[in-house]
Amino acid sequence: MVITPPSRRLRISAILVAATLTYAPGAHADPEPPLGAAVPTAEQVTAILNQLTDPNVPDADKAKLVEGGLSPEEMNQSDQGLAKLDRHHALPFTFTVTDIQPAINDMAGVTAALTGPREPLPVTQPLVLADHNGTWQLTHDSYEPTFANMVRHVIHRVGPHSSPGGNVAVFGW
């Protein structure tokens, strides 16, 4: 029987663990979506984003467009912000959706660019959508903060208004 000193056993164990992790199949690979995974069309994503930024769409309908829904506070902030943007002629927005890619867990990633009457240069962000039995929804993590930040960017650029304080403050931000 060979007795190995503890420090050598530790080194040998570390080498074995490192080798196992280094050479294990797929140890460092990101999971791939299944071949032929569903993705939304650009038109489907554009319709979701248009409805989320339309002050005339009821809150209950908007909540269905976001995975997990929207809290009453989120809906209230959205309503107030969109009403102010509408009063300042900053709506409607135009969305251009590109780079639609399938992702794991029935999700898809897209790149969305927002322009509008008061925002001629595109505000572009990646967004993630989830497929729920053929119905695509914006993930809540993409709604807040990513999508909300796209809208906030326009809000901060809307410009001066008649009340003191400079720019329009909406969405509670």
C-alpha atoms as a PDB file:
ATOM      1  CA  MET A   1       0.000   0.000   0.000  1.00  0.00           C
ATOM      2  CA  VAL A   2       1.334   3.414  -1.022  1.00  0.00           C
ATOM      3  CA  ILE A   3       0.682   6.295   1.351  1.00  0.00           C
ATOM      4  CA  THR A   4       0.338   9.644  -0.350  1.00  0.00           C
ATOM      5  CA  PRO A   5       0.967  12.814   1.680  1.00  0.00           C
ATOM      6  CA  PRO A   6      -2.164  15.015   2.147  1.00  0.00           C
ATOM      7  CA  SER A   7      -0.757  17.901   0.106  1.00  0.00           C
ATOM      8  CA  ARG A   8      -0.073  15.596  -2.818  1.00  0.00           C
ATOM      9  CA  ARG A   9      -3.558  14.059  -2.563  1.00  0.00           C
ATOM     10  CA  LEU A  10      -5.033  17.568  -2.679  1.00  0.00           C
ATOM     11  CA  ARG A  11      -2.977  18.416  -5.798  1.00  0.00           C
ATOM     12  CA  ILE A  12      -3.992  15.179  -7.497  1.00  0.00           C
ATOM     13  CA  SER A  13      -7.670  15.768  -6.642  1.00  0.00           C
ATOM     14  CA  ALA A  14      -7.496  19.321  -7.985  1.00  0.00           C
ATOM     15  CA  ILE A  15      -5.923  18.092 -11.228  1.00  0.00           C
ATOM     16  CA  LEU A  16      -8.594  15.419 -11.660  1.00  0.00           C
ATOM     17  CA  VAL A  17     -11.433  17.889 -11.037  1.00  0.00           C
ATOM     18  CA  ALA A  18      -9.917  20.436 -13.434  1.00  0.00           C
ATOM     19  CA  ALA A  19      -9.408  17.785 -16.130  1.00  0.00           C
ATOM     20  CA  THR A  20     -12.956  16.517 -15.723  1.00  0.00           C
ATOM     21  CA  LEU A  21     -14.418  20.003 -16.063  1.00  0.00           C
ATOM     22  CA  THR A  22     -12.146  20.949 -18.936  1.00  0.00           C
ATOM     23  CA  TYR A  23     -12.822  17.877 -21.037  1.00  0.00           C
ATOM     24  CA  ALA A  24     -16.426  17.100 -20.111  1.00  0.00           C
ATOM     25  CA  PRO A  25     -18.594  17.291 -23.232  1.00  0.00           C
ATOM     26  CA  GLY A  26     -20.524  20.554 -23.312  1.00  0.00           C
ATOM     27  CA  ALA A  27     -19.002  21.736 -20.047  1.00  0.00           C
ATOM     28  CA  HIS A  28     -18.542  25.258 -21.334  1.00  0.00           C
ATOM     29  CA  ALA A  29     -21.161  25.370 -24.098  1.00  0.00           C
ATOM     30  CA  ASP A  30     -24.233  27.530 -23.811  1.00  0.00           C
ATOM     31  CA  PRO A  31     -27.452  25.571 -24.214  1.00  0.00           C
ATOM     32  CA  GLU A  32     -28.732  25.671 -27.763  1.00  0.00           C
ATOM     33  CA  PRO A  33     -32.387  26.123 -28.679  1.00  0.00           C
ATOM     34  CA  PRO A  34     -33.912  23.091 -30.357  1.00  0.00           C
ATOM     35  CA  LEU A  35     -33.720  22.968 -34.142  1.00  0.00           C
ATOM     36  CA  GLY A  36     -36.759  24.629 -35.656  1.00  0.00           C
ATOM     37  CA  ALA A  37     -37.610  26.463 -32.417  1.00  0.00           C
ATOM     38  CA  ALA A  38     -40.487  28.889 -32.828  1.00  0.00           C
ATOM     39  CA  VAL A  39     -39.799  32.599 -33.088  1.00  0.00           C
ATOM     40  CA  PRO A  40     -42.211  35.514 -33.322  1.00  0.00           C
ATOM     41  CA  THR A  41     -42.473  37.473 -36.541  1.00  0.00           C
ATOM     42  CA  ALA A  42     -41.335  41.078 -36.664  1.00  0.00           C
ATOM     43  CA  GLU A  43     -44.999  42.008 -37.095  1.00  0.00           C
ATOM     44  CA  GLN A  44     -46.014  40.142 -33.926  1.00  0.00           C
ATOM     45  CA  VAL A  45     -43.335  41.884 -31.855  1.00  0.00           C
ATOM     46  CA  THR A  46     -44.166  45.260 -33.380  1.00  0.00           C
ATOM     47  CA  ALA A  47     -47.844  44.752 -32.523  1.00  0.00           C
ATOM     48  CA  ILE A  48     -46.953  44.003 -28.879  1.00  0.00           C
ATOM     49  CA  LEU A  49     -44.747  47.100 -28.591  1.00  0.00           C
ATOM     50  CA  ASN A  50     -47.321  49.301 -30.341  1.00  0.00           C
ATOM     51  CA  GLN A  51     -50.066  48.187 -27.949  1.00  0.00           C
ATOM     52  CA  LEU A  52     -47.836  48.750 -24.913  1.00  0.00           C
ATOM     53  CA  THR A  53     -47.262  52.362 -26.000  1.00  0.00           C
ATOM     54  CA  ASP A  54     -50.803  53.152 -27.140  1.00  0.00           C
ATOM     55  CA  PRO A  55     -52.604  55.246 -24.511  1.00  0.00           C
ATOM     56  CA  ASN A  56     -55.953  53.981 -25.871  1.00  0.00           C
ATOM     57  CA  VAL A  57     -55.265  50.293 -25.168  1.00  0.00           C
ATOM     58  CA  PRO A  58     -56.883  49.240 -21.854  1.00  0.00           C
ATOM     59  CA  ASP A  59     -54.575  48.241 -18.992  1.00  0.00           C
ATOM     60  CA  ALA A  60     -56.017  44.727 -18.870  1.00  0.00           C
ATOM     61  CA  ASP A  61     -55.009  44.186 -22.505  1.00  0.00           C
ATOM     62  CA  LYS A  62     -51.517  45.613 -21.910  1.00  0.00           C
ATOM     63  CA  ALA A  63     -51.004  43.360 -18.893  1.00  0.00           C
ATOM     64  CA  LYS A  64     -51.594  40.319 -21.135  1.00  0.00           C
ATOM     65  CA  LEU A  65     -48.692  41.399 -23.363  1.00  0.00           C
ATOM     66  CA  VAL A  66     -46.104  41.044 -20.580  1.00  0.00           C
ATOM     67  CA  GLU A  67     -45.184  37.694 -19.068  1.00  0.00           C
ATOM     68  CA  GLY A  68     -46.513  37.627 -15.516  1.00  0.00           C
ATOM     69  CA  GLY A  69     -48.599  40.739 -16.176  1.00  0.00           C
ATOM     70  CA  LEU A  70     -48.057  44.270 -14.920  1.00  0.00           C
ATOM     71  CA  SER A  71     -48.578  45.528 -11.398  1.00  0.00           C
ATOM     72  CA  PRO A  72     -51.148  48.278 -10.747  1.00  0.00           C
ATOM     73  CA  GLU A  73     -48.215  50.638 -10.069  1.00  0.00           C
ATOM     74  CA  GLU A  74     -46.575  49.778 -13.394  1.00  0.00           C
ATOM     75  CA  MET A  75     -49.852  50.296 -15.247  1.00  0.00           C
ATOM     76  CA  ASN A  76     -50.480  53.604 -13.487  1.00  0.00           C
ATOM     77  CA  GLN A  77     -46.993  54.875 -14.332  1.00  0.00           C
ATOM     78  CA  SER A  78     -47.422  53.765 -17.922  1.00  0.00           C
ATOM     79  CA  ASP A  79     -50.825  55.459 -18.239  1.00  0.00           C
ATOM     80  CA  GLN A  80     -49.524  58.747 -16.827  1.00  0.00           C
ATOM     81  CA  GLY A  81     -46.418  58.686 -18.996  1.00  0.00           C
ATOM     82  CA  LEU A  82     -48.220  57.841 -22.197  1.00  0.00           C
ATOM     83  CA  ALA A  83     -50.852  60.526 -21.553  1.00  0.00           C
ATOM     84  CA  LYS A  84     -48.127  63.148 -21.135  1.00  0.00           C
ATOM     85  CA  LEU A  85     -46.242  61.927 -24.220  1.00  0.00           C
ATOM     86  CA  ASP A  86     -49.501  62.117 -26.162  1.00  0.00           C
ATOM     87  CA  ARG A  87     -50.163  65.687 -24.952  1.00  0.00           C
ATOM     88  CA  HIS A  88     -46.666  66.658 -26.114  1.00  0.00           C
ATOM     89  CA  HIS A  89     -47.185  65.085 -29.547  1.00  0.00           C
ATOM     90  CA  ALA A  90     -44.435  62.495 -28.947  1.00  0.00           C
ATOM     91  CA  LEU A  91     -46.658  59.565 -29.998  1.00  0.00           C
ATOM     92  CA  PRO A  92     -47.155  57.313 -31.856  1.00  0.00           C
ATOM     93  CA  PHE A  93     -43.857  55.486 -31.795  1.00  0.00           C
ATOM     94  CA  THR A  94     -42.615  53.459 -34.715  1.00  0.00           C
ATOM     95  CA  PHE A  95     -40.855  50.171 -33.945  1.00  0.00           C
ATOM     96  CA  THR A  96     -38.450  48.340 -36.204  1.00  0.00           C
ATOM     97  CA  VAL A  97     -37.768  44.757 -35.136  1.00  0.00           C
ATOM     98  CA  THR A  98     -34.725  42.869 -36.431  1.00  0.00           C
ATOM     99  CA  ASP A  99     -32.332  40.061 -35.479  1.00  0.00           C
ATOM    100  CA  ILE A 100     -35.032  37.630 -34.345  1.00  0.00           C
ATOM    101  CA  GLN A 101     -33.285  34.622 -32.794  1.00  0.00           C
ATOM    102  CA  PRO A 102     -34.627  31.502 -31.088  1.00  0.00           C
ATOM    103  CA  ALA A 103     -33.529  30.891 -27.513  1.00  0.00           C
ATOM    104  CA  ILE A 104     -33.930  28.080 -25.014  1.00  0.00           C
ATOM    105  CA  ASN A 105     -37.081  27.543 -22.934  1.00  0.00           C
ATOM    106  CA  ASP A 106     -39.519  28.714 -25.648  1.00  0.00           C
ATOM    107  CA  MET A 107     -38.009  32.187 -25.777  1.00  0.00           C
ATOM    108  CA  ALA A 108     -36.717  34.410 -28.530  1.00  0.00           C
ATOM    109  CA  GLY A 109     -34.484  37.451 -28.638  1.00  0.00           C
ATOM    110  CA  VAL A 110     -34.998  40.459 -30.887  1.00  0.00           C
ATOM    111  CA  THR A 111     -33.515  43.857 -31.460  1.00  0.00           C
ATOM    112  CA  ALA A 112     -36.108  46.635 -31.331  1.00  0.00           C
ATOM    113  CA  ALA A 113     -35.577  50.219 -32.461  1.00  0.00           C
ATOM    114  CA  LEU A 114     -37.999  52.974 -31.409  1.00  0.00           C
ATOM    115  CA  THR A 115     -38.471  56.243 -33.293  1.00  0.00           C
ATOM    116  CA  GLY A 116     -41.234  58.801 -33.028  1.00  0.00           C
ATOM    117  CA  PRO A 117     -42.354  62.324 -33.834  1.00  0.00           C
ATOM    118  CA  ARG A 118     -40.027  63.741 -31.162  1.00  0.00           C
ATOM    119  CA  GLU A 119     -37.330  61.041 -31.416  1.00  0.00           C
ATOM    120  CA  PRO A 120     -35.984  60.834 -34.975  1.00  0.00           C
ATOM    121  CA  LEU A 121     -32.854  58.872 -34.035  1.00  0.00           C
ATOM    122  CA  PRO A 122     -33.547  55.229 -33.174  1.00  0.00           C
ATOM    123  CA  VAL A 123     -33.409  54.113 -29.559  1.00  0.00           C
ATOM    124  CA  THR A 124     -32.338  50.472 -29.892  1.00  0.00           C
ATOM    125  CA  GLN A 125     -32.442  47.703 -27.289  1.00  0.00           C
ATOM    126  CA  PRO A 126     -32.445  43.908 -27.204  1.00  0.00           C
ATOM    127  CA  LEU A 127     -35.669  42.382 -25.910  1.00  0.00           C
ATOM    128  CA  VAL A 128     -36.695  38.858 -24.946  1.00  0.00           C
ATOM    129  CA  LEU A 129     -40.080  37.318 -25.603  1.00  0.00           C
ATOM    130  CA  ALA A 130     -41.596  34.095 -24.293  1.00  0.00           C
ATOM    131  CA  ASP A 131     -43.916  31.781 -26.206  1.00  0.00           C
ATOM    132  CA  HIS A 132     -46.929  30.635 -24.192  1.00  0.00           C
ATOM    133  CA  ASN A 133     -48.799  28.109 -26.332  1.00  0.00           C
ATOM    134  CA  GLY A 134     -48.378  30.175 -29.489  1.00  0.00           C
ATOM    135  CA  THR A 135     -48.911  33.553 -27.830  1.00  0.00           C
ATOM    136  CA  TRP A 136     -45.788  35.684 -27.569  1.00  0.00           C
ATOM    137  CA  GLN A 137     -45.320  37.947 -24.558  1.00  0.00           C
ATOM    138  CA  LEU A 138     -42.548  40.357 -23.664  1.00  0.00           C
ATOM    139  CA  THR A 139     -40.747  38.945 -20.631  1.00  0.00           C
ATOM    140  CA  HIS A 140     -41.178  41.058 -17.525  1.00  0.00           C
ATOM    141  CA  ASP A 141     -37.382  41.416 -17.284  1.00  0.00           C
ATOM    142  CA  SER A 142     -37.412  42.911 -20.788  1.00  0.00           C
ATOM    143  CA  TYR A 143     -40.349  45.189 -19.992  1.00  0.00           C
ATOM    144  CA  GLU A 144     -38.701  46.604 -16.888  1.00  0.00           C
ATOM    145  CA  PRO A 145     -36.124  48.022 -17.164  1.00  0.00           C
ATOM    146  CA  THR A 146     -35.181  47.566 -20.852  1.00  0.00           C
ATOM    147  CA  PHE A 147     -38.373  48.495 -22.696  1.00  0.00           C
ATOM    148  CA  ALA A 148     -39.317  51.087 -20.082  1.00  0.00           C
ATOM    149  CA  ASN A 149     -35.871  52.667 -20.514  1.00  0.00           C
ATOM    150  CA  MET A 150     -36.467  53.014 -24.259  1.00  0.00           C
ATOM    151  CA  VAL A 151     -39.599  54.993 -23.488  1.00  0.00           C
ATOM    152  CA  ARG A 152     -37.881  56.937 -20.679  1.00  0.00           C
ATOM    153  CA  HIS A 153     -35.216  58.064 -23.139  1.00  0.00           C
ATOM    154  CA  VAL A 154     -37.896  59.730 -25.247  1.00  0.00           C
ATOM    155  CA  ILE A 155     -39.587  61.162 -22.166  1.00  0.00           C
ATOM    156  CA  HIS A 156     -36.387  62.901 -21.129  1.00  0.00           C
ATOM    157  CA  ARG A 157     -36.008  64.343 -24.616  1.00  0.00           C
ATOM    158  CA  VAL A 158     -39.591  65.587 -24.993  1.00  0.00           C
ATOM    159  CA  GLY A 159     -38.390  69.008 -23.994  1.00  0.00           C
ATOM    160  CA  PRO A 160     -39.609  72.037 -22.151  1.00  0.00           C
ATOM    161  CA  HIS A 161     -43.193  72.534 -21.215  1.00  0.00           C
ATOM    162  CA  SER A 162     -45.200  75.357 -19.740  1.00  0.00           C
ATOM    163  CA  SER A 163     -44.786  74.472 -16.080  1.00  0.00           C
ATOM    164  CA  PRO A 164     -41.617  75.346 -14.191  1.00  0.00           C
ATOM    165  CA  GLY A 165     -39.036  72.614 -13.901  1.00  0.00           C
ATOM    166  CA  GLY A 166     -37.977  72.063 -17.509  1.00  0.00           C
ATOM    167  CA  ASN A 167     -38.544  68.665 -19.043  1.00  0.00           C
ATOM    168  CA  VAL A 168     -41.628  66.541 -18.753  1.00  0.00           C
ATOM    169  CA  ALA A 169     -41.408  64.140 -15.841  1.00  0.00           C
ATOM    170  CA  VAL A 170     -43.462  61.034 -16.497  1.00  0.00           C
ATOM    171  CA  PHE A 171     -43.632  57.381 -15.501  1.00  0.00           C
ATOM    172  CA  GLY A 172     -42.629  58.518 -12.017  1.00  0.00           C
ATOM    173  CA  TRP A 173     -38.987  58.857 -13.089  1.00  0.00           C
END
